[in-house]
N, C-alpha and C. Protein backbone atom coordinates (compact mmCIF):
# COMPACT_ATOMS: atom_id res chain seq x y z
N MET A 1 10.13 -45.31 40.16
CA MET A 1 10.00 -44.27 39.16
C MET A 1 9.65 -44.94 37.82
N ALA A 2 8.50 -44.68 37.36
CA ALA A 2 8.04 -45.28 36.11
C ALA A 2 8.43 -44.41 34.93
N LEU A 3 8.82 -45.07 33.89
CA LEU A 3 9.16 -44.33 32.67
C LEU A 3 7.90 -44.10 31.86
N LYS A 4 7.79 -42.88 31.38
CA LYS A 4 6.64 -42.55 30.55
C LYS A 4 6.88 -43.04 29.13
N LYS A 5 5.80 -43.44 28.50
CA LYS A 5 5.91 -43.82 27.10
C LYS A 5 6.20 -42.57 26.28
N SER A 6 7.12 -42.69 25.38
CA SER A 6 7.42 -41.56 24.52
C SER A 6 6.40 -41.50 23.39
N LYS A 7 5.93 -40.33 23.18
CA LYS A 7 4.98 -40.14 22.09
C LYS A 7 5.74 -39.94 20.80
N LYS A 8 5.26 -40.58 19.78
CA LYS A 8 5.89 -40.39 18.48
C LYS A 8 5.49 -39.03 17.94
N LEU A 9 6.43 -38.39 17.34
CA LEU A 9 6.16 -37.10 16.72
C LEU A 9 5.59 -37.34 15.33
N VAL A 10 4.31 -37.44 15.27
CA VAL A 10 3.64 -37.68 14.00
C VAL A 10 2.95 -36.39 13.60
N SER A 11 3.24 -35.95 12.43
CA SER A 11 2.64 -34.72 11.95
C SER A 11 1.25 -35.01 11.39
N THR A 12 0.31 -34.25 11.87
CA THR A 12 -1.04 -34.35 11.32
C THR A 12 -1.24 -33.31 10.22
N ASP A 13 -0.15 -32.70 9.85
CA ASP A 13 -0.19 -31.65 8.85
C ASP A 13 -0.33 -32.26 7.46
N SER A 14 -1.09 -31.62 6.62
CA SER A 14 -1.32 -32.14 5.28
C SER A 14 -0.56 -31.35 4.22
N ARG A 15 0.56 -30.78 4.61
CA ARG A 15 1.35 -30.04 3.63
C ARG A 15 2.19 -31.00 2.81
N PRO A 16 2.11 -30.90 1.48
CA PRO A 16 2.97 -31.74 0.65
C PRO A 16 4.43 -31.31 0.76
N SER A 17 5.32 -32.21 0.53
CA SER A 17 6.75 -31.90 0.66
C SER A 17 7.19 -30.83 -0.33
N GLY A 18 6.59 -30.79 -1.51
CA GLY A 18 6.94 -29.76 -2.48
C GLY A 18 6.62 -28.37 -2.00
N LEU A 19 5.54 -28.23 -1.25
CA LEU A 19 5.17 -26.94 -0.69
C LEU A 19 6.17 -26.52 0.38
N ILE A 20 6.58 -27.45 1.20
CA ILE A 20 7.55 -27.15 2.25
C ILE A 20 8.91 -26.79 1.64
N ILE A 21 9.33 -27.55 0.65
CA ILE A 21 10.62 -27.28 0.00
C ILE A 21 10.60 -25.92 -0.69
N SER A 22 9.51 -25.59 -1.36
CA SER A 22 9.40 -24.29 -2.03
C SER A 22 9.45 -23.15 -1.02
N SER A 23 8.78 -23.30 0.10
CA SER A 23 8.80 -22.27 1.14
C SER A 23 10.20 -22.08 1.70
N ILE A 24 10.88 -23.19 1.93
CA ILE A 24 12.24 -23.11 2.47
C ILE A 24 13.19 -22.45 1.48
N LEU A 25 13.07 -22.79 0.20
CA LEU A 25 13.96 -22.20 -0.79
C LEU A 25 13.71 -20.70 -0.95
N LEU A 26 12.45 -20.28 -0.87
CA LEU A 26 12.17 -18.84 -0.90
C LEU A 26 12.78 -18.15 0.30
N ALA A 27 12.67 -18.75 1.48
CA ALA A 27 13.23 -18.15 2.69
C ALA A 27 14.76 -18.12 2.64
N VAL A 28 15.37 -19.18 2.11
CA VAL A 28 16.83 -19.20 1.98
C VAL A 28 17.29 -18.08 1.05
N HIS A 29 16.56 -17.86 -0.02
CA HIS A 29 16.91 -16.79 -0.95
C HIS A 29 16.83 -15.42 -0.27
N VAL A 30 15.85 -15.25 0.63
CA VAL A 30 15.72 -13.98 1.34
C VAL A 30 16.97 -13.69 2.15
N PHE A 31 17.56 -14.72 2.74
CA PHE A 31 18.73 -14.49 3.58
C PHE A 31 20.04 -14.44 2.80
N PHE A 32 20.13 -15.16 1.68
CA PHE A 32 21.38 -15.19 0.95
C PHE A 32 21.49 -14.13 -0.14
N ALA A 33 20.40 -13.59 -0.62
CA ALA A 33 20.47 -12.55 -1.64
C ALA A 33 21.20 -11.30 -1.13
N PRO A 34 20.92 -10.81 0.09
CA PRO A 34 21.70 -9.66 0.58
C PRO A 34 23.18 -9.98 0.78
N VAL A 35 23.50 -11.20 1.16
CA VAL A 35 24.90 -11.58 1.32
C VAL A 35 25.62 -11.52 -0.02
N VAL A 36 24.98 -12.04 -1.04
CA VAL A 36 25.57 -11.99 -2.38
C VAL A 36 25.69 -10.54 -2.84
N PHE A 37 24.67 -9.73 -2.56
CA PHE A 37 24.70 -8.32 -2.95
C PHE A 37 25.87 -7.61 -2.27
N LEU A 38 26.03 -7.83 -0.98
CA LEU A 38 27.12 -7.15 -0.26
C LEU A 38 28.48 -7.69 -0.67
N ALA A 39 28.54 -8.94 -1.12
CA ALA A 39 29.81 -9.51 -1.56
C ALA A 39 30.27 -8.92 -2.89
N VAL A 40 29.32 -8.64 -3.77
CA VAL A 40 29.70 -8.09 -5.08
C VAL A 40 29.64 -6.57 -5.11
N LEU A 41 29.24 -5.96 -4.02
CA LEU A 41 29.13 -4.49 -3.97
C LEU A 41 30.43 -3.78 -4.32
N PRO A 42 31.58 -4.21 -3.80
CA PRO A 42 32.82 -3.49 -4.17
C PRO A 42 33.14 -3.53 -5.66
N PHE A 43 32.71 -4.57 -6.36
CA PHE A 43 32.99 -4.66 -7.79
C PHE A 43 32.13 -3.70 -8.61
N PHE A 44 30.93 -3.40 -8.11
CA PHE A 44 30.03 -2.52 -8.86
C PHE A 44 30.19 -1.06 -8.49
N THR A 45 30.94 -0.76 -7.44
CA THR A 45 31.12 0.65 -7.08
C THR A 45 31.97 1.39 -8.09
N PHE A 46 32.74 0.67 -8.89
CA PHE A 46 33.53 1.33 -9.92
C PHE A 46 32.66 1.88 -11.04
N MET A 47 31.45 1.36 -11.17
CA MET A 47 30.56 1.83 -12.23
C MET A 47 29.73 3.04 -11.80
N MET A 48 29.81 3.40 -10.53
CA MET A 48 29.06 4.54 -10.03
C MET A 48 29.75 5.83 -10.46
N PRO A 49 29.03 6.95 -10.50
CA PRO A 49 29.62 8.20 -10.99
C PRO A 49 30.77 8.72 -10.14
N SER A 50 30.75 8.46 -8.85
CA SER A 50 31.79 8.98 -7.97
C SER A 50 32.97 8.01 -7.96
N SER A 51 34.17 8.56 -8.02
CA SER A 51 35.34 7.70 -8.00
C SER A 51 35.92 7.55 -6.60
N THR A 52 35.33 8.24 -5.62
CA THR A 52 35.88 8.17 -4.26
C THR A 52 35.58 6.85 -3.59
N GLY A 53 34.54 6.20 -3.97
CA GLY A 53 34.21 4.92 -3.37
C GLY A 53 33.24 5.06 -2.21
N VAL A 54 33.37 6.09 -1.41
CA VAL A 54 32.47 6.27 -0.26
C VAL A 54 31.08 6.63 -0.75
N PHE A 55 30.99 7.57 -1.67
CA PHE A 55 29.69 7.97 -2.19
C PHE A 55 29.03 6.84 -2.96
N SER A 56 29.82 6.11 -3.74
CA SER A 56 29.24 5.04 -4.52
C SER A 56 28.79 3.89 -3.63
N ASN A 57 29.53 3.60 -2.55
CA ASN A 57 29.07 2.59 -1.60
C ASN A 57 27.78 3.03 -0.93
N PHE A 58 27.70 4.30 -0.60
CA PHE A 58 26.47 4.83 0.00
C PHE A 58 25.30 4.72 -0.96
N MET A 59 25.52 5.04 -2.22
CA MET A 59 24.45 4.95 -3.21
C MET A 59 24.00 3.50 -3.42
N ALA A 60 24.94 2.59 -3.45
CA ALA A 60 24.58 1.18 -3.61
C ALA A 60 23.81 0.68 -2.39
N LEU A 61 24.21 1.10 -1.20
CA LEU A 61 23.49 0.72 0.00
C LEU A 61 22.10 1.36 0.03
N LEU A 62 22.01 2.59 -0.42
CA LEU A 62 20.71 3.25 -0.52
C LEU A 62 19.81 2.54 -1.52
N PHE A 63 20.37 2.12 -2.63
CA PHE A 63 19.62 1.33 -3.61
C PHE A 63 19.07 0.06 -2.96
N PHE A 64 19.93 -0.60 -2.18
CA PHE A 64 19.50 -1.82 -1.52
C PHE A 64 18.38 -1.55 -0.53
N LEU A 65 18.50 -0.51 0.26
CA LEU A 65 17.49 -0.23 1.29
C LEU A 65 16.17 0.21 0.68
N VAL A 66 16.23 0.99 -0.38
CA VAL A 66 15.00 1.54 -0.95
C VAL A 66 14.31 0.55 -1.87
N LEU A 67 15.05 -0.15 -2.68
CA LEU A 67 14.42 -1.02 -3.68
C LEU A 67 14.42 -2.50 -3.31
N ALA A 68 15.54 -3.01 -2.88
CA ALA A 68 15.63 -4.45 -2.66
C ALA A 68 15.01 -4.90 -1.35
N LEU A 69 15.17 -4.14 -0.30
CA LEU A 69 14.67 -4.56 1.00
C LEU A 69 13.15 -4.77 1.04
N PRO A 70 12.35 -3.89 0.45
CA PRO A 70 10.90 -4.18 0.43
C PRO A 70 10.55 -5.47 -0.32
N PHE A 71 11.27 -5.77 -1.39
CA PHE A 71 11.01 -7.02 -2.11
C PHE A 71 11.42 -8.23 -1.30
N LEU A 72 12.51 -8.11 -0.53
CA LEU A 72 12.92 -9.22 0.32
C LEU A 72 11.92 -9.45 1.45
N ILE A 73 11.36 -8.37 1.98
CA ILE A 73 10.33 -8.51 3.02
C ILE A 73 9.09 -9.17 2.43
N LEU A 74 8.69 -8.74 1.22
CA LEU A 74 7.55 -9.36 0.56
C LEU A 74 7.82 -10.84 0.25
N GLN A 75 9.05 -11.15 -0.12
CA GLN A 75 9.38 -12.54 -0.42
C GLN A 75 9.36 -13.39 0.85
N ALA A 76 9.82 -12.85 1.96
CA ALA A 76 9.76 -13.58 3.23
C ALA A 76 8.31 -13.82 3.63
N TYR A 77 7.46 -12.82 3.45
CA TYR A 77 6.04 -12.98 3.76
C TYR A 77 5.38 -13.99 2.82
N THR A 78 5.81 -13.99 1.57
CA THR A 78 5.29 -14.96 0.60
C THR A 78 5.70 -16.39 0.98
N ALA A 79 6.94 -16.56 1.43
CA ALA A 79 7.39 -17.89 1.85
C ALA A 79 6.56 -18.37 3.04
N TYR A 80 6.29 -17.48 3.99
CA TYR A 80 5.47 -17.82 5.15
C TYR A 80 4.04 -18.16 4.71
N SER A 81 3.50 -17.36 3.80
CA SER A 81 2.14 -17.59 3.33
C SER A 81 2.03 -18.84 2.48
N LEU A 82 3.06 -19.14 1.72
CA LEU A 82 3.07 -20.37 0.93
C LEU A 82 3.06 -21.58 1.86
N TYR A 83 3.83 -21.51 2.92
CA TYR A 83 3.85 -22.60 3.89
C TYR A 83 2.49 -22.78 4.55
N ASN A 84 1.77 -21.67 4.73
CA ASN A 84 0.44 -21.72 5.34
C ASN A 84 -0.68 -21.87 4.32
N LYS A 85 -0.33 -22.16 3.08
CA LYS A 85 -1.28 -22.50 2.00
C LYS A 85 -2.25 -21.38 1.65
N LYS A 86 -1.77 -20.15 1.64
CA LYS A 86 -2.60 -19.04 1.19
C LYS A 86 -2.72 -19.11 -0.33
N PRO A 87 -3.92 -18.94 -0.88
CA PRO A 87 -4.11 -19.11 -2.33
C PRO A 87 -3.29 -18.14 -3.19
N TRP A 88 -3.11 -16.91 -2.74
CA TRP A 88 -2.40 -15.92 -3.55
C TRP A 88 -0.90 -16.17 -3.58
N SER A 89 -0.37 -16.91 -2.62
CA SER A 89 1.08 -17.05 -2.49
C SER A 89 1.69 -17.87 -3.62
N ARG A 90 0.92 -18.71 -4.26
CA ARG A 90 1.45 -19.50 -5.38
C ARG A 90 1.86 -18.61 -6.54
N ILE A 91 1.04 -17.63 -6.84
CA ILE A 91 1.33 -16.71 -7.96
C ILE A 91 2.53 -15.84 -7.63
N VAL A 92 2.55 -15.28 -6.43
CA VAL A 92 3.66 -14.39 -6.05
C VAL A 92 4.96 -15.19 -5.96
N ALA A 93 4.90 -16.41 -5.44
CA ALA A 93 6.10 -17.26 -5.39
C ALA A 93 6.58 -17.60 -6.79
N THR A 94 5.67 -17.76 -7.72
CA THR A 94 6.04 -18.02 -9.11
C THR A 94 6.78 -16.82 -9.70
N ILE A 95 6.33 -15.62 -9.38
CA ILE A 95 7.00 -14.41 -9.88
C ILE A 95 8.41 -14.31 -9.30
N PHE A 96 8.54 -14.57 -8.00
CA PHE A 96 9.87 -14.54 -7.40
C PHE A 96 10.76 -15.64 -7.98
N ALA A 97 10.20 -16.81 -8.22
CA ALA A 97 10.99 -17.91 -8.81
C ALA A 97 11.44 -17.55 -10.22
N ALA A 98 10.60 -16.84 -10.97
CA ALA A 98 10.98 -16.42 -12.32
C ALA A 98 12.16 -15.44 -12.26
N PHE A 99 12.16 -14.54 -11.27
CA PHE A 99 13.29 -13.63 -11.11
C PHE A 99 14.54 -14.37 -10.63
N MET A 100 14.35 -15.43 -9.87
CA MET A 100 15.50 -16.22 -9.43
C MET A 100 16.19 -16.92 -10.59
N LEU A 101 15.45 -17.18 -11.66
CA LEU A 101 16.05 -17.83 -12.83
C LEU A 101 17.18 -16.99 -13.42
N LEU A 102 17.14 -15.69 -13.19
CA LEU A 102 18.17 -14.80 -13.73
C LEU A 102 19.44 -14.80 -12.89
N SER A 103 19.39 -15.34 -11.70
CA SER A 103 20.54 -15.33 -10.77
C SER A 103 21.32 -16.62 -10.90
N PHE A 104 22.13 -16.68 -11.93
CA PHE A 104 22.89 -17.89 -12.24
C PHE A 104 24.04 -18.04 -11.27
N PRO A 105 24.39 -19.20 -10.82
CA PRO A 105 23.88 -20.53 -11.06
C PRO A 105 22.99 -21.07 -9.94
N PHE A 106 23.25 -20.66 -8.67
CA PHE A 106 22.57 -21.32 -7.56
C PHE A 106 21.11 -20.94 -7.45
N PHE A 107 20.80 -19.67 -7.53
CA PHE A 107 19.41 -19.26 -7.39
C PHE A 107 18.59 -19.68 -8.60
N THR A 108 19.25 -19.92 -9.74
CA THR A 108 18.55 -20.47 -10.90
C THR A 108 18.01 -21.85 -10.58
N ILE A 109 18.81 -22.64 -9.90
CA ILE A 109 18.37 -23.98 -9.50
C ILE A 109 17.22 -23.88 -8.52
N PHE A 110 17.32 -22.94 -7.57
CA PHE A 110 16.21 -22.72 -6.63
C PHE A 110 14.93 -22.38 -7.37
N GLY A 111 15.04 -21.48 -8.35
CA GLY A 111 13.86 -21.06 -9.11
C GLY A 111 13.24 -22.21 -9.89
N LEU A 112 14.08 -23.04 -10.48
CA LEU A 112 13.56 -24.20 -11.22
C LEU A 112 12.85 -25.18 -10.30
N ILE A 113 13.42 -25.41 -9.14
CA ILE A 113 12.80 -26.34 -8.18
C ILE A 113 11.46 -25.79 -7.71
N ILE A 114 11.41 -24.50 -7.40
CA ILE A 114 10.16 -23.89 -6.94
C ILE A 114 9.10 -23.96 -8.03
N LEU A 115 9.48 -23.63 -9.26
CA LEU A 115 8.51 -23.68 -10.36
C LEU A 115 8.01 -25.11 -10.58
N TYR A 116 8.90 -26.07 -10.48
CA TYR A 116 8.48 -27.46 -10.66
C TYR A 116 7.45 -27.85 -9.60
N PHE A 117 7.77 -27.58 -8.35
CA PHE A 117 6.87 -28.00 -7.28
C PHE A 117 5.54 -27.26 -7.32
N LEU A 118 5.56 -25.98 -7.67
CA LEU A 118 4.31 -25.22 -7.64
C LEU A 118 3.40 -25.52 -8.83
N TRP A 119 3.96 -25.90 -9.96
CA TRP A 119 3.14 -26.05 -11.16
C TRP A 119 3.08 -27.45 -11.74
N PHE A 120 4.00 -28.35 -11.38
CA PHE A 120 4.01 -29.67 -11.99
C PHE A 120 3.89 -30.82 -11.00
N ASP A 121 4.11 -30.57 -9.73
CA ASP A 121 4.00 -31.62 -8.71
C ASP A 121 2.54 -31.76 -8.30
N GLU A 122 1.98 -32.94 -8.52
CA GLU A 122 0.54 -33.16 -8.29
C GLU A 122 0.09 -32.90 -6.85
N PRO A 123 0.78 -33.42 -5.83
CA PRO A 123 0.30 -33.14 -4.47
C PRO A 123 0.30 -31.65 -4.12
N THR A 124 1.27 -30.92 -4.63
CA THR A 124 1.33 -29.47 -4.36
C THR A 124 0.25 -28.74 -5.15
N LYS A 125 -0.01 -29.17 -6.37
CA LYS A 125 -1.05 -28.53 -7.17
C LYS A 125 -2.42 -28.69 -6.55
N LYS A 126 -2.65 -29.81 -5.84
CA LYS A 126 -3.95 -30.05 -5.22
C LYS A 126 -4.24 -29.09 -4.07
N VAL A 127 -3.20 -28.52 -3.49
CA VAL A 127 -3.37 -27.59 -2.36
C VAL A 127 -4.03 -26.30 -2.84
N PHE A 128 -3.67 -25.87 -4.04
CA PHE A 128 -4.17 -24.60 -4.57
C PHE A 128 -5.25 -24.85 -5.61
N PRO A 129 -6.44 -24.34 -5.37
CA PRO A 129 -7.52 -24.54 -6.37
C PRO A 129 -7.22 -23.74 -7.64
N SER A 130 -7.55 -24.31 -8.76
CA SER A 130 -7.27 -23.63 -10.04
C SER A 130 -8.37 -22.67 -10.40
């Protein structure tokens, strides 16, 4: 029984590491933003007009489904498109990163890293024509 030579897993992909990191951080935000929203939901239900809690939880969930969910889907698609080097995804990822700057402290760091890689990292800038 002869042993086969193992092939090295060498990537022929020309994606810069900044592009990959930015895509991953956008995708991580898509999954953790709803968790954070649902974690702080009980604290914000006191500000809703209903004092019963059931109606205000329903309204907050409705807000999430109607407004936030489409943006999270767009952000997931942007992360996928950024990884696949679509020209438009750099601008949309920049917009999402700018909104992440408002989510102190962790998502602010994500937003700063994404902005750095998309606009100041030379190998990543070369992927997108100006």
